[in-house]
């Protein structure tokens, strides 16, 4: 059994809803962490916060 056949067998072992939910979660996580990075850059460059202050505020925001 080659790699392609193993992947097809693995993929067919789960319901399509499983794959949809996991892909949606993946994109949601990518958007969240991407937003965190943009938020840090915005606070440092445009609002004039130090790196430590921006990190603290970002951590506080992330904890909510």
PDB file of N, CA and C in Angstrom:
ATOM      1  N   UNK A   1       0.853  -1.175   0.000  1.00  0.00           N
ATOM      2  CA  UNK A   1       0.000   0.000   0.000  1.00  0.00           C
ATOM      3  C   UNK A   1       0.901   1.241   0.000  1.00  0.00           C
ATOM      4  N   UNK A   2       0.718   2.093  -1.005  1.00  0.00           N
ATOM      5  CA  UNK A   2       1.544   3.296  -1.084  1.00  0.00           C
ATOM      6  C   UNK A   2       0.933   4.425  -0.251  1.00  0.00           C
ATOM      7  N   UNK A   3       1.625   5.530  -0.210  1.00  0.00           N
ATOM      8  CA  UNK A   3       1.219   6.654   0.635  1.00  0.00           C
ATOM      9  C   UNK A   3      -0.130   7.224   0.217  1.00  0.00           C
ATOM     10  N   UNK A   4      -0.384   7.306  -1.078  1.00  0.00           N
ATOM     11  CA  UNK A   4      -1.648   7.842  -1.572  1.00  0.00           C
ATOM     12  C   UNK A   4      -2.826   6.987  -1.115  1.00  0.00           C
ATOM     13  N   UNK A   5      -2.674   5.687  -1.179  1.00  0.00           N
ATOM     14  CA  UNK A   5      -3.744   4.785  -0.745  1.00  0.00           C
ATOM     15  C   UNK A   5      -3.955   4.875   0.762  1.00  0.00           C
ATOM     16  N   UNK A   6      -2.876   5.003   1.518  1.00  0.00           N
ATOM     17  CA  UNK A   6      -2.997   5.139   2.972  1.00  0.00           C
ATOM     18  C   UNK A   6      -3.739   6.424   3.332  1.00  0.00           C
ATOM     19  N   UNK A   7      -3.430   7.510   2.613  1.00  0.00           N
ATOM     20  CA  UNK A   7      -4.102   8.780   2.877  1.00  0.00           C
ATOM     21  C   UNK A   7      -5.588   8.682   2.559  1.00  0.00           C
ATOM     22  N   UNK A   8      -5.947   8.058   1.439  1.00  0.00           N
ATOM     23  CA  UNK A   8      -7.361   7.893   1.087  1.00  0.00           C
ATOM     24  C   UNK A   8      -8.089   7.073   2.139  1.00  0.00           C
ATOM     25  N   UNK A   9      -7.446   6.028   2.635  1.00  0.00           N
ATOM     26  CA  UNK A   9      -8.052   5.194   3.668  1.00  0.00           C
ATOM     27  C   UNK A   9      -8.235   6.001   4.958  1.00  0.00           C
ATOM     28  N   UNK A  10      -7.237   6.778   5.323  1.00  0.00           N
ATOM     29  CA  UNK A  10      -7.320   7.610   6.523  1.00  0.00           C
ATOM     30  C   UNK A  10      -8.433   8.641   6.391  1.00  0.00           C
ATOM     31  N   UNK A  11      -8.475   9.312   5.227  1.00  0.00           N
ATOM     32  CA  UNK A  11      -9.458  10.360   4.981  1.00  0.00           C
ATOM     33  C   UNK A  11     -10.878   9.803   4.976  1.00  0.00           C
ATOM     34  N   UNK A  12     -11.071   8.639   4.416  1.00  0.00           N
ATOM     35  CA  UNK A  12     -12.409   8.060   4.333  1.00  0.00           C
ATOM     36  C   UNK A  12     -12.877   7.503   5.672  1.00  0.00           C
ATOM     37  N   UNK A  13     -11.986   7.425   6.642  1.00  0.00           N
ATOM     38  CA  UNK A  13     -12.368   6.919   7.959  1.00  0.00           C
ATOM     39  C   UNK A  13     -13.142   7.922   8.792  1.00  0.00           C
ATOM     40  N   UNK A  14     -13.218   9.166   8.345  1.00  0.00           N
ATOM     41  CA  UNK A  14     -13.921  10.206   9.085  1.00  0.00           C
ATOM     42  C   UNK A  14     -15.067  10.756   8.251  1.00  0.00           C
ATOM     43  N   UNK A  15     -16.116  11.157   8.923  1.00  0.00           N
ATOM     44  CA  UNK A  15     -17.272  11.760   8.264  1.00  0.00           C
ATOM     45  C   UNK A  15     -16.867  13.127   7.702  1.00  0.00           C
ATOM     46  N   UNK A  16     -17.443  13.544   6.572  1.00  0.00           N
ATOM     47  CA  UNK A  16     -17.096  14.854   6.003  1.00  0.00           C
ATOM     48  C   UNK A  16     -17.309  16.021   6.972  1.00  0.00           C
ATOM     49  N   UNK A  17     -18.281  15.894   7.864  1.00  0.00           N
ATOM     50  CA  UNK A  17     -18.514  16.944   8.855  1.00  0.00           C
ATOM     51  C   UNK A  17     -17.297  17.157   9.735  1.00  0.00           C
ATOM     52  N   UNK A  18     -16.592  16.082  10.043  1.00  0.00           N
ATOM     53  CA  UNK A  18     -15.364  16.170  10.835  1.00  0.00           C
ATOM     54  C   UNK A  18     -14.347  17.059  10.137  1.00  0.00           C
ATOM     55  N   UNK A  19     -14.166  16.857   8.842  1.00  0.00           N
ATOM     56  CA  UNK A  19     -13.185  17.638   8.091  1.00  0.00           C
ATOM     57  C   UNK A  19     -13.609  19.099   7.986  1.00  0.00           C
ATOM     58  N   UNK A  20     -14.889  19.351   7.776  1.00  0.00           N
ATOM     59  CA  UNK A  20     -15.380  20.731   7.694  1.00  0.00           C
ATOM     60  C   UNK A  20     -15.141  21.452   9.015  1.00  0.00           C
ATOM     61  N   UNK A  21     -15.484  20.806  10.118  1.00  0.00           N
ATOM     62  CA  UNK A  21     -15.306  21.423  11.434  1.00  0.00           C
ATOM     63  C   UNK A  21     -13.836  21.701  11.722  1.00  0.00           C
ATOM     64  N   UNK A  22     -12.960  20.782  11.372  1.00  0.00           N
ATOM     65  CA  UNK A  22     -11.539  20.980  11.642  1.00  0.00           C
ATOM     66  C   UNK A  22     -10.923  22.057  10.763  1.00  0.00           C
ATOM     67  N   UNK A  23     -11.331  22.135   9.514  1.00  0.00           N
ATOM     68  CA  UNK A  23     -10.815  23.189   8.635  1.00  0.00           C
ATOM     69  C   UNK A  23     -11.315  24.551   9.105  1.00  0.00           C
ATOM     70  N   UNK A  24     -12.574  24.624   9.531  1.00  0.00           N
ATOM     71  CA  UNK A  24     -13.099  25.882  10.059  1.00  0.00           C
ATOM     72  C   UNK A  24     -12.332  26.308  11.305  1.00  0.00           C
ATOM     73  N   UNK A  25     -12.052  25.378  12.186  1.00  0.00           N
ATOM     74  CA  UNK A  25     -11.287  25.685  13.400  1.00  0.00           C
ATOM     75  C   UNK A  25      -9.873  26.137  13.053  1.00  0.00           C
ATOM     76  N   UNK A  26      -9.267  25.510  12.072  1.00  0.00           N
ATOM     77  CA  UNK A  26      -7.924  25.902  11.641  1.00  0.00           C
ATOM     78  C   UNK A  26      -7.911  27.351  11.162  1.00  0.00           C
ATOM     79  N   UNK A  27      -8.868  27.717  10.315  1.00  0.00           N
ATOM     80  CA  UNK A  27      -8.929  29.089   9.819  1.00  0.00           C
ATOM     81  C   UNK A  27      -9.256  30.077  10.932  1.00  0.00           C
ATOM     82  N   UNK A  28     -10.097  29.669  11.874  1.00  0.00           N
ATOM     83  CA  UNK A  28     -10.429  30.549  12.996  1.00  0.00           C
ATOM     84  C   UNK A  28      -9.189  30.823  13.833  1.00  0.00           C
ATOM     85  N   UNK A  29      -8.390  29.803  14.094  1.00  0.00           N
ATOM     86  CA  UNK A  29      -7.151  29.972  14.873  1.00  0.00           C
ATOM     87  C   UNK A  29      -6.152  30.841  14.114  1.00  0.00           C
ATOM     88  N   UNK A  30      -6.026  30.628  12.819  1.00  0.00           N
ATOM     89  CA  UNK A  30      -5.119  31.454  12.019  1.00  0.00           C
ATOM     90  C   UNK A  30      -5.544  32.921  12.055  1.00  0.00           C
ATOM     91  N   UNK A  31      -6.834  33.176  11.974  1.00  0.00           N
ATOM     92  CA  UNK A  31      -7.329  34.551  12.030  1.00  0.00           C
ATOM     93  C   UNK A  31      -7.074  35.164  13.400  1.00  0.00           C
ATOM     94  N   UNK A  32      -7.282  34.390  14.454  1.00  0.00           N
ATOM     95  CA  UNK A  32      -7.078  34.908  15.811  1.00  0.00           C
ATOM     96  C   UNK A  32      -5.620  35.276  16.044  1.00  0.00           C
ATOM     97  N   UNK A  33      -4.711  34.373  15.736  1.00  0.00           N
ATOM     98  CA  UNK A  33      -3.301  34.655  15.984  1.00  0.00           C
ATOM     99  C   UNK A  33      -2.764  35.720  15.030  1.00  0.00           C
ATOM    100  N   UNK A  34      -3.277  35.775  13.829  1.00  0.00           N
ATOM    101  CA  UNK A  34      -2.899  36.841  12.912  1.00  0.00           C
ATOM    102  C   UNK A  34      -3.351  38.194  13.426  1.00  0.00           C
ATOM    103  N   UNK A  35      -4.536  38.237  14.004  1.00  0.00           N
ATOM    104  CA  UNK A  35      -5.050  39.474  14.589  1.00  0.00           C
ATOM    105  C   UNK A  35      -4.191  39.891  15.767  1.00  0.00           C
ATOM    106  N   UNK A  36      -3.737  38.949  16.575  1.00  0.00           N
ATOM    107  CA  UNK A  36      -2.885  39.264  17.722  1.00  0.00           C
ATOM    108  C   UNK A  36      -1.587  39.938  17.253  1.00  0.00           C
ATOM    109  N   UNK A  37      -1.007  39.426  16.205  1.00  0.00           N
ATOM    110  CA  UNK A  37       0.239  39.996  15.684  1.00  0.00           C
ATOM    111  C   UNK A  37       0.006  41.412  15.161  1.00  0.00           C
ATOM    112  N   UNK A  38      -1.061  41.600  14.395  1.00  0.00           N
ATOM    113  CA  UNK A  38      -1.370  42.925  13.856  1.00  0.00           C
ATOM    114  C   UNK A  38      -1.663  43.902  14.994  1.00  0.00           C
ATOM    115  N   UNK A  39      -2.352  43.442  16.027  1.00  0.00           N
ATOM    116  CA  UNK A  39      -2.663  44.274  17.188  1.00  0.00           C
ATOM    117  C   UNK A  39      -1.383  44.737  17.888  1.00  0.00           C
ATOM    118  N   UNK A  40      -0.426  43.837  18.054  1.00  0.00           N
ATOM    119  CA  UNK A  40       0.854  44.187  18.682  1.00  0.00           C
ATOM    120  C   UNK A  40       1.598  45.234  17.842  1.00  0.00           C
ATOM    121  N   UNK A  41       1.667  45.030  16.552  1.00  0.00           N
ATOM    122  CA  UNK A  41       2.364  45.976  15.673  1.00  0.00           C
ATOM    123  C   UNK A  41       1.681  47.340  15.708  1.00  0.00           C
ATOM    124  N   UNK A  42       0.362  47.344  15.684  1.00  0.00           N
ATOM    125  CA  UNK A  42      -0.394  48.601  15.741  1.00  0.00           C
ATOM    126  C   UNK A  42      -0.112  49.347  17.045  1.00  0.00           C
ATOM    127  N   UNK A  43      -0.125  48.636  18.168  1.00  0.00           N
ATOM    128  CA  UNK A  43       0.122  49.296  19.455  1.00  0.00           C
ATOM    129  C   UNK A  43       1.529  49.872  19.527  1.00  0.00           C
ATOM    130  N   UNK A  44       2.504  49.157  18.993  1.00  0.00           N
ATOM    131  CA  UNK A  44       3.892  49.632  19.053  1.00  0.00           C
ATOM    132  C   UNK A  44       4.145  50.781  18.083  1.00  0.00           C
ATOM    133  N   UNK A  45       3.697  50.657  16.870  1.00  0.00           N
ATOM    134  CA  UNK A  45       4.039  51.644  15.837  1.00  0.00           C
ATOM    135  C   UNK A  45       3.129  52.868  15.830  1.00  0.00           C
ATOM    136  N   UNK A  46       1.825  52.665  15.979  1.00  0.00           N
ATOM    137  CA  UNK A  46       0.886  53.776  15.839  1.00  0.00           C
ATOM    138  C   UNK A  46       0.480  54.401  17.169  1.00  0.00           C
ATOM    139  N   UNK A  47       0.399  53.611  18.222  1.00  0.00           N
ATOM    140  CA  UNK A  47      -0.026  54.148  19.515  1.00  0.00           C
ATOM    141  C   UNK A  47       1.143  54.503  20.423  1.00  0.00           C
ATOM    142  N   UNK A  48       2.346  54.077  20.069  1.00  0.00           N
ATOM    143  CA  UNK A  48       3.535  54.458  20.812  1.00  0.00           C
ATOM    144  C   UNK A  48       3.799  53.679  22.088  1.00  0.00           C
ATOM    145  N   UNK A  49       3.190  52.513  22.244  1.00  0.00           N
ATOM    146  CA  UNK A  49       3.461  51.690  23.422  1.00  0.00           C
ATOM    147  C   UNK A  49       4.833  51.042  23.286  1.00  0.00           C
ATOM    148  N   UNK A  50       5.463  50.777  24.423  1.00  0.00           N
ATOM    149  CA  UNK A  50       6.712  50.016  24.384  1.00  0.00           C
ATOM    150  C   UNK A  50       6.384  48.556  24.086  1.00  0.00           C
ATOM    151  N   UNK A  51       7.413  47.780  23.795  1.00  0.00           N
ATOM    152  CA  UNK A  51       7.186  46.364  23.502  1.00  0.00           C
ATOM    153  C   UNK A  51       6.592  45.646  24.709  1.00  0.00           C
ATOM    154  N   UNK A  52       7.071  45.986  25.912  1.00  0.00           N
ATOM    155  CA  UNK A  52       6.555  45.354  27.130  1.00  0.00           C
ATOM    156  C   UNK A  52       5.094  45.731  27.370  1.00  0.00           C
ATOM    157  N   UNK A  53       4.761  46.996  27.195  1.00  0.00           N
ATOM    158  CA  UNK A  53       3.378  47.433  27.395  1.00  0.00           C
ATOM    159  C   UNK A  53       2.447  46.791  26.370  1.00  0.00           C
ATOM    160  N   UNK A  54       2.884  46.769  25.132  1.00  0.00           N
ATOM    161  CA  UNK A  54       2.069  46.147  24.081  1.00  0.00           C
ATOM    162  C   UNK A  54       1.884  44.661  24.360  1.00  0.00           C
ATOM    163  N   UNK A  55       2.924  44.001  24.843  1.00  0.00           N
ATOM    164  CA  UNK A  55       2.818  42.584  25.182  1.00  0.00           C
ATOM    165  C   UNK A  55       1.854  42.332  26.320  1.00  0.00           C
ATOM    166  N   UNK A  56       1.889  43.199  27.334  1.00  0.00           N
ATOM    167  CA  UNK A  56       0.968  43.056  28.460  1.00  0.00           C
ATOM    168  C   UNK A  56      -0.476  43.260  28.020  1.00  0.00           C
ATOM    169  N   UNK A  57      -0.718  44.293  27.243  1.00  0.00           N
ATOM    170  CA  UNK A  57      -2.079  44.548  26.769  1.00  0.00           C
ATOM    171  C   UNK A  57      -2.568  43.441  25.837  1.00  0.00           C
ATOM    172  N   UNK A  58      -1.686  42.957  25.002  1.00  0.00           N
ATOM    173  CA  UNK A  58      -2.058  41.868  24.102  1.00  0.00           C
ATOM    174  C   UNK A  58      -2.373  40.603  24.896  1.00  0.00           C
ATOM    175  N   UNK A  59      -1.584  40.334  25.921  1.00  0.00           N
ATOM    176  CA  UNK A  59      -1.848  39.180  26.780  1.00  0.00           C
ATOM    177  C   UNK A  59      -3.157  39.314  27.525  1.00  0.00           C
ATOM    178  N   UNK A  60      -3.452  40.523  27.996  1.00  0.00           N
ATOM    179  CA  UNK A  60      -4.716  40.773  28.679  1.00  0.00           C
ATOM    180  C   UNK A  60      -5.882  40.570  27.720  1.00  0.00           C
ATOM    181  N   UNK A  61      -5.753  41.110  26.525  1.00  0.00           N
ATOM    182  CA  UNK A  61      -6.795  40.947  25.513  1.00  0.00           C
ATOM    183  C   UNK A  61      -6.971  39.469  25.147  1.00  0.00           C
ATOM    184  N   UNK A  62      -5.868  38.748  25.023  1.00  0.00           N
ATOM    185  CA  UNK A  62      -5.934  37.330  24.674  1.00  0.00           C
ATOM    186  C   UNK A  62      -6.541  36.480  25.772  1.00  0.00           C
ATOM    187  N   UNK A  63      -6.416  36.932  27.014  1.00  0.00           N
ATOM    188  CA  UNK A  63      -6.981  36.190  28.138  1.00  0.00           C
ATOM    189  C   UNK A  63      -8.476  36.346  28.285  1.00  0.00           C
ATOM    190  N   UNK A  64      -9.033  37.324  27.593  1.00  0.00           N
ATOM    191  CA  UNK A  64     -10.478  37.529  27.687  1.00  0.00           C
ATOM    192  C   UNK A  64     -11.136  36.495  26.878  1.00  0.00           C
TER     193      UNK A  64
END
